[in-house]
Amino acid sequence: MKHALTAVLERNTTFTADFTTEPYEAGWATEARWFVRTLALEGDAPTLHLATQISPDGLHWCDDETAEQVTTEPGLVSWRVREFGHWLRLRASLRGGDPQAKVLIYLALKS
């Protein structure tokens, strides 16, 4: 029997500095997909850089080989992740002058 789950990791959250999401245990899943909806991106030439991070234990992290996603305006971006091991989280970096981003972050998992 296949399983699927979508977790909402951030909902209408405004960030003014770099951040990571809470770790999510996904060892049961064979595939994952991030959905990041940027509701507002403000500041002087702001950009939001998003990268998947993986971990064997939920404590020690490294970037996944998946290409970094870059957002320069409100909208939805998505990318898939495979062969990720046991834990996932999202690392976000805000760049530009006095940047601010309001986002929703979903993690969809399937076995």
C-alpha atoms as a PDB file:
ATOM      1  CA  MET A   1       0.000   0.000   0.000  1.00  0.00           C
ATOM      2  CA  LYS A   2       1.364   3.392  -0.962  1.00  0.00           C
ATOM      3  CA  HIS A   3       1.310   6.304   1.446  1.00  0.00           C
ATOM      4  CA  ALA A   4       1.267  10.038   0.845  1.00  0.00           C
ATOM      5  CA  LEU A   5       1.447  12.988   3.196  1.00  0.00           C
ATOM      6  CA  THR A   6       1.732  16.741   2.864  1.00  0.00           C
ATOM      7  CA  ALA A   7       3.191  18.627   5.823  1.00  0.00           C
ATOM      8  CA  VAL A   8       2.793  22.381   6.225  1.00  0.00           C
ATOM      9  CA  LEU A   9       6.088  23.519   7.752  1.00  0.00           C
ATOM     10  CA  GLU A  10       5.490  27.293   7.614  1.00  0.00           C
ATOM     11  CA  ARG A  11       2.223  29.123   7.180  1.00  0.00           C
ATOM     12  CA  ASN A  12       2.163  32.860   6.381  1.00  0.00           C
ATOM     13  CA  THR A  13       5.437  33.294   8.230  1.00  0.00           C
ATOM     14  CA  THR A  14       7.506  36.434   7.676  1.00  0.00           C
ATOM     15  CA  PHE A  15      11.298  36.115   7.799  1.00  0.00           C
ATOM     16  CA  THR A  16      13.825  38.953   7.896  1.00  0.00           C
ATOM     17  CA  ALA A  17      16.967  36.779   8.119  1.00  0.00           C
ATOM     18  CA  ASP A  18      18.260  33.381   7.005  1.00  0.00           C
ATOM     19  CA  PHE A  19      16.348  30.418   8.433  1.00  0.00           C
ATOM     20  CA  THR A  20      15.848  26.656   8.334  1.00  0.00           C
ATOM     21  CA  THR A  21      12.599  24.760   8.754  1.00  0.00           C
ATOM     22  CA  GLU A  22      12.075  22.241  11.510  1.00  0.00           C
ATOM     23  CA  PRO A  23      13.512  18.819  10.619  1.00  0.00           C
ATOM     24  CA  TYR A  24      11.027  16.369   9.132  1.00  0.00           C
ATOM     25  CA  GLU A  25      11.490  12.602   9.477  1.00  0.00           C
ATOM     26  CA  ALA A  26      10.819  11.074   6.067  1.00  0.00           C
ATOM     27  CA  GLY A  27      12.613   7.730   6.121  1.00  0.00           C
ATOM     28  CA  TRP A  28       9.431   5.889   5.072  1.00  0.00           C
ATOM     29  CA  ALA A  29       9.081   7.954   1.871  1.00  0.00           C
ATOM     30  CA  THR A  30      10.768   7.230  -1.450  1.00  0.00           C
ATOM     31  CA  GLU A  31      10.163  10.658  -2.936  1.00  0.00           C
ATOM     32  CA  ALA A  32       9.609  14.172  -1.707  1.00  0.00           C
ATOM     33  CA  ARG A  33       8.657  17.482  -3.232  1.00  0.00           C
ATOM     34  CA  TRP A  34       9.010  20.959  -1.753  1.00  0.00           C
ATOM     35  CA  PHE A  35       6.439  23.656  -2.486  1.00  0.00           C
ATOM     36  CA  VAL A  36       7.352  27.184  -1.409  1.00  0.00           C
ATOM     37  CA  ARG A  37       4.800  29.899  -1.998  1.00  0.00           C
ATOM     38  CA  THR A  38       6.236  33.355  -1.569  1.00  0.00           C
ATOM     39  CA  LEU A  39       3.408  35.725  -0.655  1.00  0.00           C
ATOM     40  CA  ALA A  40       5.588  38.843  -0.366  1.00  0.00           C
ATOM     41  CA  LEU A  41       9.240  39.577  -1.042  1.00  0.00           C
ATOM     42  CA  GLU A  42      10.270  43.078  -0.039  1.00  0.00           C
ATOM     43  CA  GLY A  43      13.444  45.118   0.350  1.00  0.00           C
ATOM     44  CA  ASP A  44      16.113  46.458  -1.995  1.00  0.00           C
ATOM     45  CA  ALA A  45      16.548  43.843  -4.800  1.00  0.00           C
ATOM     46  CA  PRO A  46      15.532  40.967  -2.506  1.00  0.00           C
ATOM     47  CA  THR A  47      16.137  37.335  -3.431  1.00  0.00           C
ATOM     48  CA  LEU A  48      15.190  34.172  -1.571  1.00  0.00           C
ATOM     49  CA  HIS A  49      17.586  31.223  -2.020  1.00  0.00           C
ATOM     50  CA  LEU A  50      16.213  27.783  -1.072  1.00  0.00           C
ATOM     51  CA  ALA A  51      18.152  24.555  -0.625  1.00  0.00           C
ATOM     52  CA  THR A  52      17.204  21.081   0.555  1.00  0.00           C
ATOM     53  CA  GLN A  53      19.230  19.760   3.456  1.00  0.00           C
ATOM     54  CA  ILE A  54      19.506  16.096   4.447  1.00  0.00           C
ATOM     55  CA  SER A  55      20.546  14.332   7.631  1.00  0.00           C
ATOM     56  CA  PRO A  56      20.994  10.762   8.862  1.00  0.00           C
ATOM     57  CA  ASP A  57      19.945  11.656  12.430  1.00  0.00           C
ATOM     58  CA  GLY A  58      18.092  14.993  12.410  1.00  0.00           C
ATOM     59  CA  LEU A  59      21.032  16.631  14.197  1.00  0.00           C
ATOM     60  CA  HIS A  60      23.825  16.974  11.636  1.00  0.00           C
ATOM     61  CA  TRP A  61      22.995  18.481   8.239  1.00  0.00           C
ATOM     62  CA  CYS A  62      24.438  18.907   4.768  1.00  0.00           C
ATOM     63  CA  ASP A  63      23.047  20.282   1.509  1.00  0.00           C
ATOM     64  CA  ASP A  64      21.448  17.798  -0.877  1.00  0.00           C
ATOM     65  CA  GLU A  65      22.795  17.644  -4.452  1.00  0.00           C
ATOM     66  CA  THR A  66      19.576  19.267  -5.712  1.00  0.00           C
ATOM     67  CA  ALA A  67      20.116  22.662  -7.328  1.00  0.00           C
ATOM     68  CA  GLU A  68      19.390  25.712  -5.190  1.00  0.00           C
ATOM     69  CA  GLN A  69      16.120  27.476  -6.070  1.00  0.00           C
ATOM     70  CA  VAL A  70      16.111  31.271  -6.332  1.00  0.00           C
ATOM     71  CA  THR A  71      13.010  33.427  -6.075  1.00  0.00           C
ATOM     72  CA  THR A  72      12.962  37.120  -6.938  1.00  0.00           C
ATOM     73  CA  GLU A  73       9.214  37.782  -6.799  1.00  0.00           C
ATOM     74  CA  PRO A  74       6.043  36.388  -5.202  1.00  0.00           C
ATOM     75  CA  GLY A  75       4.872  33.070  -6.621  1.00  0.00           C
ATOM     76  CA  LEU A  76       5.167  29.311  -6.253  1.00  0.00           C
ATOM     77  CA  VAL A  77       8.317  27.229  -6.773  1.00  0.00           C
ATOM     78  CA  SER A  78       8.641  23.470  -6.444  1.00  0.00           C
ATOM     79  CA  TRP A  79      11.342  20.845  -6.822  1.00  0.00           C
ATOM     80  CA  ARG A  80      11.660  17.151  -6.138  1.00  0.00           C
ATOM     81  CA  VAL A  81      14.096  15.296  -3.928  1.00  0.00           C
ATOM     82  CA  ARG A  82      15.000  11.610  -4.149  1.00  0.00           C
ATOM     83  CA  GLU A  83      17.342   9.242  -2.320  1.00  0.00           C
ATOM     84  CA  PHE A  84      17.467  11.582   0.652  1.00  0.00           C
ATOM     85  CA  GLY A  85      17.980   9.198   3.537  1.00  0.00           C
ATOM     86  CA  HIS A  86      15.982   9.781   6.677  1.00  0.00           C
ATOM     87  CA  TRP A  87      15.528  13.496   7.526  1.00  0.00           C
ATOM     88  CA  LEU A  88      14.745  16.587   5.459  1.00  0.00           C
ATOM     89  CA  ARG A  89      14.656  20.301   6.096  1.00  0.00           C
ATOM     90  CA  LEU A  90      14.795  23.472   4.024  1.00  0.00           C
ATOM     91  CA  ARG A  91      17.540  26.095   4.325  1.00  0.00           C
ATOM     92  CA  ALA A  92      16.635  29.600   3.177  1.00  0.00           C
ATOM     93  CA  SER A  93      18.880  32.577   2.668  1.00  0.00           C
ATOM     94  CA  LEU A  94      17.566  36.106   2.194  1.00  0.00           C
ATOM     95  CA  ARG A  95      19.779  38.467   0.193  1.00  0.00           C
ATOM     96  CA  GLY A  96      19.511  42.084  -0.826  1.00  0.00           C
ATOM     97  CA  GLY A  97      19.019  45.247   1.178  1.00  0.00           C
ATOM     98  CA  ASP A  98      16.810  44.869   4.244  1.00  0.00           C
ATOM     99  CA  PRO A  99      15.065  41.781   2.768  1.00  0.00           C
ATOM    100  CA  GLN A 100      11.787  40.378   4.065  1.00  0.00           C
ATOM    101  CA  ALA A 101       9.851  37.334   2.827  1.00  0.00           C
ATOM    102  CA  LYS A 102       6.403  36.038   3.768  1.00  0.00           C
ATOM    103  CA  VAL A 103       6.103  32.354   2.846  1.00  0.00           C
ATOM    104  CA  LEU A 104       4.164  29.113   3.034  1.00  0.00           C
ATOM    105  CA  ILE A 105       6.287  25.953   2.915  1.00  0.00           C
ATOM    106  CA  TYR A 106       4.899  22.494   2.180  1.00  0.00           C
ATOM    107  CA  LEU A 107       6.687  19.162   2.050  1.00  0.00           C
ATOM    108  CA  ALA A 108       4.842  16.447   0.083  1.00  0.00           C
ATOM    109  CA  LEU A 109       6.005  12.854   0.638  1.00  0.00           C
ATOM    110  CA  LYS A 110       5.119   9.547  -1.076  1.00  0.00           C
ATOM    111  CA  SER A 111       6.160   5.965  -0.488  1.00  0.00           C
END
